[in-house]
Amino acid sequence: MDTKLTLKLEQTVIEKAKKYAKDQKTSISRLIGNYLLSITNDQESNDTITPLVRSLSGIIDLPKDFDHKKGYAEFLTNKYK
């Protein structure tokens, strides 16, 4: 469940944040939410999934038998022909 949070920030910070969010095609709420998740995450492992990557999870639908190494090799072969 989403809950409303009110923040007081300098106008210039808000303007810069709006521009950045627009450039990133996201919302200020999502930016702040991802930031707060990243700084409050108890796991300090390099293997943790960042909030951005977590939000992108499931966007691409690949076959279950997809071989990512073979796909990448084919990509590189075509790239450097």
PDB file of N, CA and C in Angstrom:
ATOM      1  N   MET A   1       0.844  -1.179   0.000  1.00  0.00           N
ATOM      2  CA  MET A   1       0.000   0.000   0.000  1.00  0.00           C
ATOM      3  C   MET A   1       0.884   1.235   0.000  1.00  0.00           C
ATOM      4  N   ASP A   2       0.631   2.138  -0.909  1.00  0.00           N
ATOM      5  CA  ASP A   2       1.383   3.383  -0.964  1.00  0.00           C
ATOM      6  C   ASP A   2       0.840   4.358   0.072  1.00  0.00           C
ATOM      7  N   THR A   3       1.747   5.104   0.680  1.00  0.00           N
ATOM      8  CA  THR A   3       1.387   6.098   1.670  1.00  0.00           C
ATOM      9  C   THR A   3       1.990   7.428   1.255  1.00  0.00           C
ATOM     10  N   LYS A   4       1.253   8.493   1.463  1.00  0.00           N
ATOM     11  CA  LYS A   4       1.704   9.816   1.088  1.00  0.00           C
ATOM     12  C   LYS A   4       2.760  10.313   2.068  1.00  0.00           C
ATOM     13  N   LEU A   5       3.783  10.984   1.543  1.00  0.00           N
ATOM     14  CA  LEU A   5       4.852  11.570   2.337  1.00  0.00           C
ATOM     15  C   LEU A   5       5.067  12.993   1.841  1.00  0.00           C
ATOM     16  N   THR A   6       5.095  13.949   2.750  1.00  0.00           N
ATOM     17  CA  THR A   6       5.313  15.341   2.380  1.00  0.00           C
ATOM     18  C   THR A   6       6.733  15.738   2.770  1.00  0.00           C
ATOM     19  N   LEU A   7       7.435  16.356   1.828  1.00  0.00           N
ATOM     20  CA  LEU A   7       8.803  16.805   2.061  1.00  0.00           C
ATOM     21  C   LEU A   7       8.902  18.296   1.796  1.00  0.00           C
ATOM     22  N   LYS A   8       9.761  18.963   2.537  1.00  0.00           N
ATOM     23  CA  LYS A   8      10.057  20.365   2.274  1.00  0.00           C
ATOM     24  C   LYS A   8      11.479  20.434   1.743  1.00  0.00           C
ATOM     25  N   LEU A   9      11.601  20.948   0.507  1.00  0.00           N
ATOM     26  CA  LEU A   9      12.899  21.059  -0.144  1.00  0.00           C
ATOM     27  C   LEU A   9      13.006  22.423  -0.803  1.00  0.00           C
ATOM     28  N   GLU A  10      14.235  22.828  -1.054  1.00  0.00           N
ATOM     29  CA  GLU A  10      14.440  24.084  -1.768  1.00  0.00           C
ATOM     30  C   GLU A  10      13.866  23.962  -3.176  1.00  0.00           C
ATOM     31  N   GLN A  11      13.348  25.060  -3.686  1.00  0.00           N
ATOM     32  CA  GLN A  11      12.718  25.070  -5.000  1.00  0.00           C
ATOM     33  C   GLN A  11      13.678  24.602  -6.088  1.00  0.00           C
ATOM     34  N   THR A  12      14.944  25.007  -6.003  1.00  0.00           N
ATOM     35  CA  THR A  12      15.912  24.605  -7.029  1.00  0.00           C
ATOM     36  C   THR A  12      16.131  23.090  -7.020  1.00  0.00           C
ATOM     37  N   VAL A  13      16.114  22.485  -5.841  1.00  0.00           N
ATOM     38  CA  VAL A  13      16.277  21.028  -5.735  1.00  0.00           C
ATOM     39  C   VAL A  13      15.088  20.337  -6.387  1.00  0.00           C
ATOM     40  N   ILE A  14      13.896  20.846  -6.133  1.00  0.00           N
ATOM     41  CA  ILE A  14      12.682  20.262  -6.714  1.00  0.00           C
ATOM     42  C   ILE A  14      12.712  20.370  -8.236  1.00  0.00           C
ATOM     43  N   GLU A  15      13.111  21.514  -8.751  1.00  0.00           N
ATOM     44  CA  GLU A  15      13.166  21.704 -10.203  1.00  0.00           C
ATOM     45  C   GLU A  15      14.173  20.756 -10.844  1.00  0.00           C
ATOM     46  N   LYS A  16      15.337  20.617 -10.215  1.00  0.00           N
ATOM     47  CA  LYS A  16      16.351  19.703 -10.746  1.00  0.00           C
ATOM     48  C   LYS A  16      15.859  18.259 -10.681  1.00  0.00           C
ATOM     49  N   ALA A  17      15.189  17.903  -9.596  1.00  0.00           N
ATOM     50  CA  ALA A  17      14.674  16.539  -9.443  1.00  0.00           C
ATOM     51  C   ALA A  17      13.606  16.244 -10.497  1.00  0.00           C
ATOM     52  N   LYS A  18      12.741  17.201 -10.776  1.00  0.00           N
ATOM     53  CA  LYS A  18      11.707  17.015 -11.799  1.00  0.00           C
ATOM     54  C   LYS A  18      12.337  16.801 -13.172  1.00  0.00           C
ATOM     55  N   LYS A  19      13.344  17.606 -13.485  1.00  0.00           N
ATOM     56  CA  LYS A  19      14.025  17.458 -14.778  1.00  0.00           C
ATOM     57  C   LYS A  19      14.713  16.102 -14.864  1.00  0.00           C
ATOM     58  N   TYR A  20      15.399  15.704 -13.796  1.00  0.00           N
ATOM     59  CA  TYR A  20      16.093  14.416 -13.786  1.00  0.00           C
ATOM     60  C   TYR A  20      15.093  13.267 -13.946  1.00  0.00           C
ATOM     61  N   ALA A  21      13.993  13.337 -13.210  1.00  0.00           N
ATOM     62  CA  ALA A  21      12.967  12.286 -13.293  1.00  0.00           C
ATOM     63  C   ALA A  21      12.401  12.198 -14.710  1.00  0.00           C
ATOM     64  N   LYS A  22      12.148  13.344 -15.317  1.00  0.00           N
ATOM     65  CA  LYS A  22      11.622  13.359 -16.680  1.00  0.00           C
ATOM     66  C   LYS A  22      12.623  12.749 -17.653  1.00  0.00           C
ATOM     67  N   ASP A  23      13.903  13.114 -17.502  1.00  0.00           N
ATOM     68  CA  ASP A  23      14.951  12.566 -18.365  1.00  0.00           C
ATOM     69  C   ASP A  23      15.084  11.053 -18.197  1.00  0.00           C
ATOM     70  N   GLN A  24      14.840  10.568 -16.988  1.00  0.00           N
ATOM     71  CA  GLN A  24      14.942   9.135 -16.696  1.00  0.00           C
ATOM     72  C   GLN A  24      13.630   8.390 -16.958  1.00  0.00           C
ATOM     73  N   LYS A  25      12.609   9.132 -17.375  1.00  0.00           N
ATOM     74  CA  LYS A  25      11.272   8.569 -17.644  1.00  0.00           C
ATOM     75  C   LYS A  25      10.727   7.836 -16.421  1.00  0.00           C
ATOM     76  N   THR A  26      10.786   8.505 -15.289  1.00  0.00           N
ATOM     77  CA  THR A  26      10.266   7.958 -14.044  1.00  0.00           C
ATOM     78  C   THR A  26       9.631   9.089 -13.243  1.00  0.00           C
ATOM     79  N   SER A  27       9.206   8.800 -12.049  1.00  0.00           N
ATOM     80  CA  SER A  27       8.598   9.823 -11.202  1.00  0.00           C
ATOM     81  C   SER A  27       9.533  10.155 -10.044  1.00  0.00           C
ATOM     82  N   ILE A  28       9.313  11.313  -9.459  1.00  0.00           N
ATOM     83  CA  ILE A  28      10.091  11.698  -8.284  1.00  0.00           C
ATOM     84  C   ILE A  28       9.808  10.722  -7.144  1.00  0.00           C
ATOM     85  N   SER A  29       8.575  10.286  -7.020  1.00  0.00           N
ATOM     86  CA  SER A  29       8.237   9.317  -5.972  1.00  0.00           C
ATOM     87  C   SER A  29       9.043   8.039  -6.118  1.00  0.00           C
ATOM     88  N   ARG A  30       9.152   7.541  -7.332  1.00  0.00           N
ATOM     89  CA  ARG A  30       9.925   6.321  -7.561  1.00  0.00           C
ATOM     90  C   ARG A  30      11.411   6.560  -7.287  1.00  0.00           C
ATOM     91  N   LEU A  31      11.932   7.722  -7.708  1.00  0.00           N
ATOM     92  CA  LEU A  31      13.334   8.041  -7.443  1.00  0.00           C
ATOM     93  C   LEU A  31      13.622   8.048  -5.944  1.00  0.00           C
ATOM     94  N   ILE A  32      12.774   8.727  -5.204  1.00  0.00           N
ATOM     95  CA  ILE A  32      12.979   8.820  -3.757  1.00  0.00           C
ATOM     96  C   ILE A  32      12.783   7.450  -3.107  1.00  0.00           C
ATOM     97  N   GLY A  33      11.771   6.719  -3.543  1.00  0.00           N
ATOM     98  CA  GLY A  33      11.543   5.385  -3.003  1.00  0.00           C
ATOM     99  C   GLY A  33      12.733   4.464  -3.233  1.00  0.00           C
ATOM    100  N   ASN A  34      13.271   4.480  -4.463  1.00  0.00           N
ATOM    101  CA  ASN A  34      14.445   3.654  -4.769  1.00  0.00           C
ATOM    102  C   ASN A  34      15.657   4.083  -3.954  1.00  0.00           C
ATOM    103  N   TYR A  35      15.828   5.385  -3.802  1.00  0.00           N
ATOM    104  CA  TYR A  35      16.953   5.880  -3.005  1.00  0.00           C
ATOM    105  C   TYR A  35      16.832   5.433  -1.550  1.00  0.00           C
ATOM    106  N   LEU A  36      15.650   5.585  -0.980  1.00  0.00           N
ATOM    107  CA  LEU A  36      15.460   5.189   0.418  1.00  0.00           C
ATOM    108  C   LEU A  36      15.646   3.679   0.599  1.00  0.00           C
ATOM    109  N   LEU A  37      15.186   2.898  -0.374  1.00  0.00           N
ATOM    110  CA  LEU A  37      15.414   1.458  -0.307  1.00  0.00           C
ATOM    111  C   LEU A  37      16.901   1.136  -0.349  1.00  0.00           C
ATOM    112  N   SER A  38      17.627   1.843  -1.202  1.00  0.00           N
ATOM    113  CA  SER A  38      19.053   1.537  -1.347  1.00  0.00           C
ATOM    114  C   SER A  38      19.851   1.900  -0.102  1.00  0.00           C
ATOM    115  N   ILE A  39      19.485   2.965   0.594  1.00  0.00           N
ATOM    116  CA  ILE A  39      20.271   3.343   1.782  1.00  0.00           C
ATOM    117  C   ILE A  39      19.827   2.605   3.034  1.00  0.00           C
ATOM    118  N   THR A  40      18.653   2.013   2.998  1.00  0.00           N
ATOM    119  CA  THR A  40      18.185   1.293   4.179  1.00  0.00           C
ATOM    120  C   THR A  40      18.305  -0.219   4.036  1.00  0.00           C
ATOM    121  N   ASN A  41      18.823  -0.659   2.911  1.00  0.00           N
ATOM    122  CA  ASN A  41      18.973  -2.087   2.663  1.00  0.00           C
ATOM    123  C   ASN A  41      20.012  -2.660   3.629  1.00  0.00           C
ATOM    124  N   ASP A  42      19.636  -3.698   4.371  1.00  0.00           N
ATOM    125  CA  ASP A  42      20.532  -4.305   5.346  1.00  0.00           C
ATOM    126  C   ASP A  42      21.646  -5.121   4.696  1.00  0.00           C
ATOM    127  N   GLN A  43      21.422  -5.603   3.498  1.00  0.00           N
ATOM    128  CA  GLN A  43      22.419  -6.422   2.824  1.00  0.00           C
ATOM    129  C   GLN A  43      23.445  -5.528   2.156  1.00  0.00           C
ATOM    130  N   GLU A  44      24.708  -5.778   2.428  1.00  0.00           N
ATOM    131  CA  GLU A  44      25.775  -4.971   1.830  1.00  0.00           C
ATOM    132  C   GLU A  44      26.584  -5.788   0.837  1.00  0.00           C
ATOM    133  N   SER A  45      25.979  -6.803   0.283  1.00  0.00           N
ATOM    134  CA  SER A  45      26.655  -7.672  -0.670  1.00  0.00           C
ATOM    135  C   SER A  45      26.621  -7.050  -2.057  1.00  0.00           C
ATOM    136  N   ASN A  46      27.640  -7.321  -2.854  1.00  0.00           N
ATOM    137  CA  ASN A  46      27.655  -6.847  -4.241  1.00  0.00           C
ATOM    138  C   ASN A  46      26.643  -7.601  -5.095  1.00  0.00           C
ATOM    139  N   ASP A  47      26.135  -8.715  -4.577  1.00  0.00           N
ATOM    140  CA  ASP A  47      25.190  -9.523  -5.330  1.00  0.00           C
ATOM    141  C   ASP A  47      23.751  -9.065  -5.155  1.00  0.00           C
ATOM    142  N   THR A  48      23.494  -8.044  -4.343  1.00  0.00           N
ATOM    143  CA  THR A  48      22.116  -7.603  -4.126  1.00  0.00           C
ATOM    144  C   THR A  48      21.581  -6.925  -5.379  1.00  0.00           C
ATOM    145  N   ILE A  49      20.302  -7.042  -5.571  1.00  0.00           N
ATOM    146  CA  ILE A  49      19.649  -6.431  -6.721  1.00  0.00           C
ATOM    147  C   ILE A  49      19.238  -5.017  -6.344  1.00  0.00           C
ATOM    148  N   THR A  50      19.624  -4.064  -7.168  1.00  0.00           N
ATOM    149  CA  THR A  50      19.279  -2.671  -6.892  1.00  0.00           C
ATOM    150  C   THR A  50      17.790  -2.452  -7.145  1.00  0.00           C
ATOM    151  N   PRO A  51      17.218  -1.434  -6.527  1.00  0.00           N
ATOM    152  CA  PRO A  51      15.793  -1.156  -6.753  1.00  0.00           C
ATOM    153  C   PRO A  51      15.461  -0.921  -8.224  1.00  0.00           C
ATOM    154  N   LEU A  52      16.376  -0.284  -8.962  1.00  0.00           N
ATOM    155  CA  LEU A  52      16.122  -0.045 -10.379  1.00  0.00           C
ATOM    156  C   LEU A  52      16.026  -1.364 -11.135  1.00  0.00           C
ATOM    157  N   VAL A  53      16.976  -2.258 -10.891  1.00  0.00           N
ATOM    158  CA  VAL A  53      16.949  -3.552 -11.571  1.00  0.00           C
ATOM    159  C   VAL A  53      15.710  -4.336 -11.153  1.00  0.00           C
ATOM    160  N   ARG A  54      15.365  -4.282  -9.880  1.00  0.00           N
ATOM    161  CA  ARG A  54      14.172  -4.970  -9.399  1.00  0.00           C
ATOM    162  C   ARG A  54      12.925  -4.445 -10.119  1.00  0.00           C
ATOM    163  N   SER A  55      12.864  -3.119 -10.349  1.00  0.00           N
ATOM    164  CA  SER A  55      11.694  -2.545 -11.020  1.00  0.00           C
ATOM    165  C   SER A  55      11.624  -2.961 -12.485  1.00  0.00           C
ATOM    166  N   LEU A  56      12.768  -3.304 -13.090  1.00  0.00           N
ATOM    167  CA  LEU A  56      12.803  -3.720 -14.491  1.00  0.00           C
ATOM    168  C   LEU A  56      12.575  -5.219 -14.657  1.00  0.00           C
ATOM    169  N   SER A  57      12.599  -5.948 -13.588  1.00  0.00           N
ATOM    170  CA  SER A  57      12.448  -7.396 -13.639  1.00  0.00           C
ATOM    171  C   SER A  57      11.117  -7.781 -14.272  1.00  0.00           C
ATOM    172  N   GLY A  58      11.193  -8.690 -15.244  1.00  0.00           N
ATOM    173  CA  GLY A  58       9.990  -9.187 -15.898  1.00  0.00           C
ATOM    174  C   GLY A  58       9.586  -8.427 -17.140  1.00  0.00           C
ATOM    175  N   ILE A  59      10.348  -7.418 -17.529  1.00  0.00           N
ATOM    176  CA  ILE A  59       9.991  -6.631 -18.717  1.00  0.00           C
ATOM    177  C   ILE A  59      10.191  -7.449 -19.991  1.00  0.00           C
ATOM    178  N   ILE A  60      11.269  -8.251 -20.027  1.00  0.00           N
ATOM    179  CA  ILE A  60      11.575  -9.053 -21.209  1.00  0.00           C
ATOM    180  C   ILE A  60      11.129 -10.487 -20.953  1.00  0.00           C
ATOM    181  N   ASP A  61      10.418 -11.037 -21.901  1.00  0.00           N
ATOM    182  CA  ASP A  61       9.930 -12.405 -21.779  1.00  0.00           C
ATOM    183  C   ASP A  61      10.748 -13.294 -22.709  1.00  0.00           C
ATOM    184  N   LEU A  62      11.668 -14.088 -22.140  1.00  0.00           N
ATOM    185  CA  LEU A  62      12.521 -14.976 -22.920  1.00  0.00           C
ATOM    186  C   LEU A  62      12.037 -16.415 -22.784  1.00  0.00           C
ATOM    187  N   PRO A  63      12.312 -17.228 -23.798  1.00  0.00           N
ATOM    188  CA  PRO A  63      11.962 -18.644 -23.685  1.00  0.00           C
ATOM    189  C   PRO A  63      12.728 -19.293 -22.533  1.00  0.00           C
ATOM    190  N   LYS A  64      12.145 -20.309 -21.931  1.00  0.00           N
ATOM    191  CA  LYS A  64      12.786 -20.974 -20.788  1.00  0.00           C
ATOM    192  C   LYS A  64      14.110 -21.612 -21.165  1.00  0.00           C
ATOM    193  N   ASP A  65      14.260 -22.025 -22.420  1.00  0.00           N
ATOM    194  CA  ASP A  65      15.496 -22.674 -22.850  1.00  0.00           C
ATOM    195  C   ASP A  65      16.485 -21.692 -23.489  1.00  0.00           C
ATOM    196  N   PHE A  66      16.301 -20.404 -23.299  1.00  0.00           N
ATOM    197  CA  PHE A  66      17.172 -19.391 -23.894  1.00  0.00           C
ATOM    198  C   PHE A  66      18.580 -19.508 -23.319  1.00  0.00           C
ATOM    199  N   ASP A  67      19.564 -19.583 -24.207  1.00  0.00           N
ATOM    200  CA  ASP A  67      20.968 -19.678 -23.809  1.00  0.00           C
ATOM    201  C   ASP A  67      21.586 -18.283 -23.933  1.00  0.00           C
ATOM    202  N   HIS A  68      21.740 -17.592 -22.808  1.00  0.00           N
ATOM    203  CA  HIS A  68      22.218 -16.205 -22.848  1.00  0.00           C
ATOM    204  C   HIS A  68      23.652 -16.114 -23.343  1.00  0.00           C
ATOM    205  N   LYS A  69      24.477 -17.118 -23.073  1.00  0.00           N
ATOM    206  CA  LYS A  69      25.863 -17.087 -23.557  1.00  0.00           C
ATOM    207  C   LYS A  69      25.898 -17.189 -25.081  1.00  0.00           C
ATOM    208  N   LYS A  70      25.076 -18.077 -25.636  1.00  0.00           N
ATOM    209  CA  LYS A  70      25.015 -18.227 -27.083  1.00  0.00           C
ATOM    210  C   LYS A  70      24.462 -16.943 -27.715  1.00  0.00           C
ATOM    211  N   GLY A  71      23.430 -16.375 -27.110  1.00  0.00           N
ATOM    212  CA  GLY A  71      22.847 -15.133 -27.621  1.00  0.00           C
ATOM    213  C   GLY A  71      23.845 -13.999 -27.623  1.00  0.00           C
ATOM    214  N   TYR A  72      24.639 -13.898 -26.569  1.00  0.00           N
ATOM    215  CA  TYR A  72      25.641 -12.836 -26.492  1.00  0.00           C
ATOM    216  C   TYR A  72      26.749 -13.072 -27.517  1.00  0.00           C
ATOM    217  N   ALA A  73      27.151 -14.331 -27.687  1.00  0.00           N
ATOM    218  CA  ALA A  73      28.177 -14.658 -28.678  1.00  0.00           C
ATOM    219  C   ALA A  73      27.699 -14.278 -30.073  1.00  0.00           C
ATOM    220  N   GLU A  74      26.442 -14.575 -30.375  1.00  0.00           N
ATOM    221  CA  GLU A  74      25.892 -14.213 -31.686  1.00  0.00           C
ATOM    222  C   GLU A  74      25.848 -12.697 -31.851  1.00  0.00           C
ATOM    223  N   PHE A  75      25.478 -11.993 -30.788  1.00  0.00           N
ATOM    224  CA  PHE A  75      25.460 -10.519 -30.835  1.00  0.00           C
ATOM    225  C   PHE A  75      26.838  -9.980 -31.165  1.00  0.00           C
ATOM    226  N   LEU A  76      27.861 -10.489 -30.467  1.00  0.00           N
ATOM    227  CA  LEU A  76      29.230 -10.014 -30.709  1.00  0.00           C
ATOM    228  C   LEU A  76      29.714 -10.364 -32.116  1.00  0.00           C
ATOM    229  N   THR A  77      29.361 -11.542 -32.582  1.00  0.00           N
ATOM    230  CA  THR A  77      29.742 -11.956 -33.943  1.00  0.00           C
ATOM    231  C   THR A  77      29.155 -11.010 -34.966  1.00  0.00           C
ATOM    232  N   ASN A  78      27.882 -10.670 -34.819  1.00  0.00           N
ATOM    233  CA  ASN A  78      27.239  -9.738 -35.761  1.00  0.00           C
ATOM    234  C   ASN A  78      27.788  -8.338 -35.625  1.00  0.00           C
ATOM    235  N   LYS A  79      28.118  -7.933 -34.422  1.00  0.00           N
ATOM    236  CA  LYS A  79      28.615  -6.584 -34.185  1.00  0.00           C
ATOM    237  C   LYS A  79      29.962  -6.353 -34.854  1.00  0.00           C
ATOM    238  N   TYR A  80      30.821  -7.355 -34.779  1.00  0.00           N
ATOM    239  CA  TYR A  80      32.189  -7.172 -35.279  1.00  0.00           C
ATOM    240  C   TYR A  80      32.438  -7.829 -36.628  1.00  0.00           C
ATOM    241  N   LYS A  81      31.395  -8.017 -37.422  1.00  0.00           N
ATOM    242  CA  LYS A  81      31.560  -8.546 -38.790  1.00  0.00           C
ATOM    243  C   LYS A  81      32.203  -7.520 -39.665  1.00  0.00           C
TER     244      LYS A  81
END
